[in-house]
């Protein structure tokens, strides 16, 4: 819901705890459960799942725990659009996103700079009102980073051209700035555990090989499933243009890990894109 130029939480109380103290405890518990591998380099971007925290919160914690102690002036979260289809991408036109932890101000300066490219970018509320995939990243970000601004981007059309063009525009505008990129994506949906693992392992390999071209090709040929495959490709390509030369899967699982139901699962992964020291 969007009110008074503020995007209010749409899935607090369903995807994650609405009450701030309970939400803080929920996230702390996830951080206590995970131990991500050490990264010898500068973190430029991460990929994170976007299901309810019961299912994917632990997986998300692997990426966000890596950010503890780091600092970024702006975080760009790139999300798919689950509820609205539109061409190109939409950057939220309000002044802030709200979570149970409080307001996150929009980076108006960066948004205005990006908005000059009207070929694929619109500044609007399209795709933002009900979208959970972007929202669920924010309480994690607020738990590990301080005093950052947000640039919330929803991709309406996850074509190769849109993702490539957005990557080039982003890289040009944020080069030399203190910016973190976050791609929001789940993987395969509603297959058996074994079939899901077979599908998701392909994306796993492509990410480990820093091969975003193959992710896009496999998505277009329906060899893999990832509702936020476009955001993953965009973040990987942007990060590479900014100097990233390594990528690593931090954790991968599916919903059966939480539910115990192996018949119809949703796949999740957490990954990091970085410049090796």
Protein backbone atom coordinates (compact mmCIF):
# COMPACT_ATOMS: atom_id res chain seq x y z
CA UNK A 1 0.00 0.00 0.00
CA UNK A 2 1.23 3.49 -0.89
CA UNK A 3 0.15 6.45 1.26
CA UNK A 4 1.51 10.00 1.41
CA UNK A 5 4.54 9.13 -0.73
CA UNK A 6 5.46 6.31 1.66
CA UNK A 7 5.25 2.69 0.65
CA UNK A 8 3.74 0.99 3.70
CA UNK A 9 4.48 -2.67 4.54
CA UNK A 10 2.26 -5.04 2.56
CA UNK A 11 3.32 -8.40 4.02
CA UNK A 12 4.29 -7.60 7.62
CA UNK A 13 2.39 -10.03 9.78
CA UNK A 14 2.28 -12.68 7.04
CA UNK A 15 5.75 -13.06 5.51
CA UNK A 16 7.50 -11.85 8.67
CA UNK A 17 6.67 -10.58 12.15
CA UNK A 18 4.83 -7.24 12.32
CA UNK A 19 5.82 -6.33 15.88
CA UNK A 20 9.36 -4.83 15.89
CA UNK A 21 10.66 -6.73 18.94
CA UNK A 22 9.43 -10.06 17.57
CA UNK A 23 10.86 -9.24 14.15
CA UNK A 24 14.24 -8.36 15.67
CA UNK A 25 14.26 -11.63 17.61
CA UNK A 26 13.30 -13.55 14.47
CA UNK A 27 16.21 -12.11 12.48
CA UNK A 28 18.72 -12.49 15.34
CA UNK A 29 17.77 -16.16 15.57
CA UNK A 30 18.51 -16.65 11.88
CA UNK A 31 21.90 -14.97 12.24
CA UNK A 32 22.73 -17.24 15.17
CA UNK A 33 21.94 -20.31 13.07
CA UNK A 34 24.18 -19.53 10.09
CA UNK A 35 27.90 -19.30 9.47
CA UNK A 36 28.64 -17.99 5.97
CA UNK A 37 32.06 -18.69 4.46
CA UNK A 38 34.65 -15.93 4.69
CA UNK A 39 34.88 -13.68 1.64
CA UNK A 40 38.31 -12.29 0.83
CA UNK A 41 37.28 -9.23 -1.09
CA UNK A 42 34.92 -6.28 -1.48
CA UNK A 43 31.24 -7.21 -1.53
CA UNK A 44 29.45 -5.47 -4.41
CA UNK A 45 26.22 -7.44 -4.53
CA UNK A 46 24.21 -10.32 -3.13
CA UNK A 47 21.30 -12.48 -4.23
CA UNK A 48 18.66 -13.30 -1.64
CA UNK A 49 15.36 -15.23 -1.58
CA UNK A 50 12.00 -13.60 -0.91
CA UNK A 51 9.60 -16.14 0.58
CA UNK A 52 8.13 -15.91 4.04
CA UNK A 53 10.87 -15.89 6.66
CA UNK A 54 9.72 -19.27 8.00
CA UNK A 55 10.78 -20.80 4.69
CA UNK A 56 13.66 -18.67 3.39
CA UNK A 57 14.80 -16.47 6.29
CA UNK A 58 17.68 -18.75 7.19
CA UNK A 59 18.93 -18.79 3.59
CA UNK A 60 18.68 -15.00 3.38
CA UNK A 61 20.63 -14.67 6.63
CA UNK A 62 23.73 -16.17 4.98
CA UNK A 63 24.02 -13.19 2.67
CA UNK A 64 23.03 -10.51 5.12
CA UNK A 65 25.32 -11.76 7.86
CA UNK A 66 28.24 -11.12 5.48
CA UNK A 67 27.30 -7.43 5.54
CA UNK A 68 27.65 -7.01 9.30
CA UNK A 69 30.27 -4.36 9.97
CA UNK A 70 30.16 -3.02 6.41
CA UNK A 71 28.82 0.36 5.33
CA UNK A 72 27.05 1.56 2.18
CA UNK A 73 25.51 4.92 1.43
CA UNK A 74 22.85 3.41 -0.83
CA UNK A 75 21.36 -0.04 -1.32
CA UNK A 76 19.77 -0.85 -4.67
CA UNK A 77 17.24 -3.67 -4.31
CA UNK A 78 16.10 -5.16 -7.62
CA UNK A 79 12.93 -7.22 -7.55
CA UNK A 80 10.69 -9.05 -10.01
CA UNK A 81 7.06 -8.01 -10.35
CA UNK A 82 4.68 -10.74 -9.21
CA UNK A 83 1.42 -8.81 -9.56
CA UNK A 84 1.78 -6.31 -12.42
CA UNK A 85 3.27 -6.71 -15.88
CA UNK A 86 4.82 -3.68 -17.54
CA UNK A 87 7.63 -2.96 -19.94
CA UNK A 88 11.00 -1.92 -18.57
CA UNK A 89 11.63 -1.12 -14.92
CA UNK A 90 9.98 1.02 -12.26
CA UNK A 91 11.79 3.02 -9.60
CA UNK A 92 9.51 3.99 -6.73
CA UNK A 93 8.34 7.60 -7.01
CA UNK A 94 7.75 8.26 -3.31
CA UNK A 95 10.04 9.49 -0.56
CA UNK A 96 10.45 6.33 1.54
CA UNK A 97 9.67 2.68 2.17
CA UNK A 98 8.33 1.80 5.61
CA UNK A 99 9.00 -1.40 7.59
CA UNK A 100 8.25 -2.30 11.21
CA UNK A 101 11.77 -0.98 11.95
CA UNK A 102 10.98 2.46 10.51
CA UNK A 103 11.39 4.56 7.37
CA UNK A 104 14.09 4.05 4.75
CA UNK A 105 14.56 7.17 2.66
CA UNK A 106 14.77 6.91 -1.10
CA UNK A 107 18.00 8.07 -2.76
CA UNK A 108 16.35 10.86 -4.75
CA UNK A 109 19.59 12.05 -6.31
CA UNK A 110 20.40 8.65 -7.78
CA UNK A 111 16.80 8.10 -8.84
CA UNK A 112 16.75 11.44 -10.68
CA UNK A 113 20.00 10.60 -12.45
CA UNK A 114 18.69 7.21 -13.57
CA UNK A 115 15.33 8.65 -14.59
CA UNK A 116 17.02 10.64 -17.34
CA UNK A 117 17.17 7.39 -19.29
CA UNK A 118 13.53 7.02 -20.26
CA UNK A 119 14.17 4.15 -22.67
CA UNK A 120 13.48 1.50 -20.03
CA UNK A 121 13.15 3.38 -16.71
CA UNK A 122 10.01 4.97 -15.31
CA UNK A 123 9.63 6.66 -11.94
CA UNK A 124 6.29 5.40 -10.67
CA UNK A 125 4.44 3.22 -8.20
CA UNK A 126 4.03 0.48 -10.80
CA UNK A 127 4.93 -2.89 -9.31
CA UNK A 128 5.62 -1.52 -5.84
CA UNK A 129 2.25 -1.54 -4.08
CA UNK A 130 1.76 -5.24 -3.27
CA UNK A 131 5.23 -6.55 -4.12
CA UNK A 132 6.66 -8.75 -1.38
CA UNK A 133 9.94 -9.63 -3.11
CA UNK A 134 11.45 -6.21 -2.50
CA UNK A 135 9.87 -5.62 0.90
CA UNK A 136 11.16 -8.76 2.63
CA UNK A 137 14.78 -7.74 2.00
CA UNK A 138 14.45 -4.50 3.95
CA UNK A 139 14.23 -5.66 7.60
CA UNK A 140 17.38 -7.71 7.03
CA UNK A 141 19.15 -4.67 5.57
CA UNK A 142 18.04 -2.53 8.51
CA UNK A 143 19.42 -5.16 10.88
CA UNK A 144 22.96 -5.07 9.47
CA UNK A 145 23.44 -1.61 7.96
CA UNK A 146 23.09 1.89 9.38
CA UNK A 147 22.12 5.18 7.73
CA UNK A 148 21.68 3.89 4.20
CA UNK A 149 19.34 5.17 1.53
CA UNK A 150 17.29 2.90 -0.71
CA UNK A 151 16.77 2.68 -4.44
CA UNK A 152 13.88 0.23 -4.95
CA UNK A 153 13.66 -1.13 -8.50
CA UNK A 154 11.00 -3.51 -9.82
CA UNK A 155 11.58 -5.15 -13.20
CA UNK A 156 8.37 -5.61 -15.15
CA UNK A 157 9.85 -7.29 -18.19
CA UNK A 158 12.82 -9.55 -17.46
CA UNK A 159 14.12 -9.70 -21.02
CA UNK A 160 17.81 -9.90 -21.86
CA UNK A 161 17.68 -6.42 -23.38
CA UNK A 162 16.06 -4.84 -20.31
CA UNK A 163 18.49 -6.52 -17.90
CA UNK A 164 21.55 -5.65 -19.97
CA UNK A 165 20.48 -2.04 -20.48
CA UNK A 166 19.67 -1.57 -16.80
CA UNK A 167 23.04 -3.04 -15.84
CA UNK A 168 24.90 -0.64 -18.09
CA UNK A 169 22.93 2.37 -16.82
CA UNK A 170 23.42 1.41 -13.17
CA UNK A 171 27.14 0.74 -13.55
CA UNK A 172 27.70 4.11 -15.21
CA UNK A 173 25.81 6.02 -12.52
CA UNK A 174 27.13 4.30 -9.39
CA UNK A 175 30.78 3.77 -10.37
CA UNK A 176 32.97 5.04 -7.55
CA UNK A 177 30.05 5.33 -5.12
CA UNK A 178 29.33 3.36 -1.95
CA UNK A 179 26.50 1.17 -3.22
CA UNK A 180 25.32 -2.38 -2.50
CA UNK A 181 23.29 -4.31 -5.06
CA UNK A 182 20.65 -6.83 -3.93
CA UNK A 183 18.89 -9.24 -6.30
CA UNK A 184 15.65 -10.71 -4.97
CA UNK A 185 14.80 -14.14 -6.35
CA UNK A 186 13.43 -17.55 -5.50
CA UNK A 187 14.19 -20.54 -7.71
CA UNK A 188 12.00 -23.38 -9.00
CA UNK A 189 8.39 -23.62 -7.86
CA UNK A 190 6.20 -26.58 -6.86
CA UNK A 191 8.22 -29.53 -8.11
CA UNK A 192 9.31 -32.49 -6.04
CA UNK A 193 12.48 -32.00 -4.00
CA UNK A 194 14.54 -34.09 -6.44
CA UNK A 195 13.32 -32.30 -9.57
CA UNK A 196 13.77 -28.93 -7.89
CA UNK A 197 17.34 -29.81 -6.93
CA UNK A 198 18.09 -30.82 -10.53
CA UNK A 199 16.71 -27.54 -11.89
CA UNK A 200 18.23 -25.30 -9.23
CA UNK A 201 21.66 -26.92 -9.46
CA UNK A 202 21.96 -25.49 -12.99
CA UNK A 203 21.58 -21.93 -11.70
CA UNK A 204 23.91 -22.83 -8.83
CA UNK A 205 26.65 -23.79 -11.31
CA UNK A 206 26.10 -20.71 -13.48
CA UNK A 207 26.42 -18.41 -10.49
CA UNK A 208 29.54 -20.17 -9.21
CA UNK A 209 31.01 -19.75 -12.71
CA UNK A 210 29.92 -16.08 -12.83
CA UNK A 211 28.02 -16.94 -16.01
CA UNK A 212 24.98 -14.68 -16.11
CA UNK A 213 24.64 -15.13 -19.88
CA UNK A 214 23.83 -18.83 -19.36
CA UNK A 215 21.30 -17.99 -16.63
CA UNK A 216 19.44 -15.72 -19.05
CA UNK A 217 19.71 -18.24 -21.90
CA UNK A 218 18.43 -21.10 -19.74
CA UNK A 219 15.58 -18.93 -18.44
CA UNK A 220 14.50 -17.98 -21.94
CA UNK A 221 14.67 -21.66 -23.03
CA UNK A 222 12.81 -22.75 -19.87
CA UNK A 223 15.64 -24.98 -18.70
CA UNK A 224 15.64 -23.32 -15.27
CA UNK A 225 13.14 -21.46 -13.12
CA UNK A 226 13.81 -18.29 -11.13
CA UNK A 227 11.10 -15.69 -10.61
CA UNK A 228 13.85 -13.12 -10.05
CA UNK A 229 16.27 -14.43 -12.64
CA UNK A 230 16.30 -11.01 -14.28
CA UNK A 231 17.36 -9.29 -11.05
CA UNK A 232 20.10 -11.91 -10.54
CA UNK A 233 21.41 -11.38 -14.08
CA UNK A 234 21.22 -7.59 -13.68
CA UNK A 235 23.09 -7.58 -10.37
CA UNK A 236 25.75 -9.99 -11.64
CA UNK A 237 26.32 -7.95 -14.79
CA UNK A 238 26.32 -4.61 -12.97
CA UNK A 239 28.70 -5.95 -10.32
CA UNK A 240 31.05 -7.22 -13.02
CA UNK A 241 31.07 -3.82 -14.72
CA UNK A 242 31.98 -2.37 -11.30
CA UNK A 243 34.92 -4.73 -10.86
CA UNK A 244 33.47 -7.90 -9.35
CA UNK A 245 35.38 -10.96 -10.46
CA UNK A 246 34.12 -13.66 -8.09
CA UNK A 247 30.77 -15.11 -7.12
CA UNK A 248 29.92 -17.69 -4.51
CA UNK A 249 26.84 -19.59 -3.43
CA UNK A 250 26.57 -19.15 0.31
CA UNK A 251 23.65 -21.55 0.83
CA UNK A 252 21.00 -23.32 -1.23
CA UNK A 253 17.99 -25.31 -0.12
CA UNK A 254 14.25 -25.55 -0.70
CA UNK A 255 11.11 -25.15 1.36
CA UNK A 256 11.16 -28.80 2.49
CA UNK A 257 13.95 -27.89 4.92
CA UNK A 258 11.42 -25.88 6.93
CA UNK A 259 8.14 -27.65 6.10
CA UNK A 260 9.20 -31.28 5.83
CA UNK A 261 7.07 -31.57 2.67
CA UNK A 262 9.19 -32.90 -0.21
CA UNK A 263 6.33 -33.20 -2.71
CA UNK A 264 6.00 -29.58 -3.87
CA UNK A 265 8.85 -27.28 -2.94
CA UNK A 266 10.21 -23.83 -3.72
CA UNK A 267 13.96 -23.39 -4.16
CA UNK A 268 16.08 -20.73 -2.44
CA UNK A 269 19.67 -19.58 -2.56
CA UNK A 270 21.92 -16.91 -1.15
CA UNK A 271 24.93 -15.72 -3.16
CA UNK A 272 27.57 -13.00 -3.08
CA UNK A 273 29.34 -11.14 -5.90
CA UNK A 274 32.62 -9.52 -4.99
CA UNK A 275 35.99 -8.19 -6.08
CA UNK A 276 38.70 -10.46 -4.77
CA UNK A 277 41.53 -8.87 -2.81
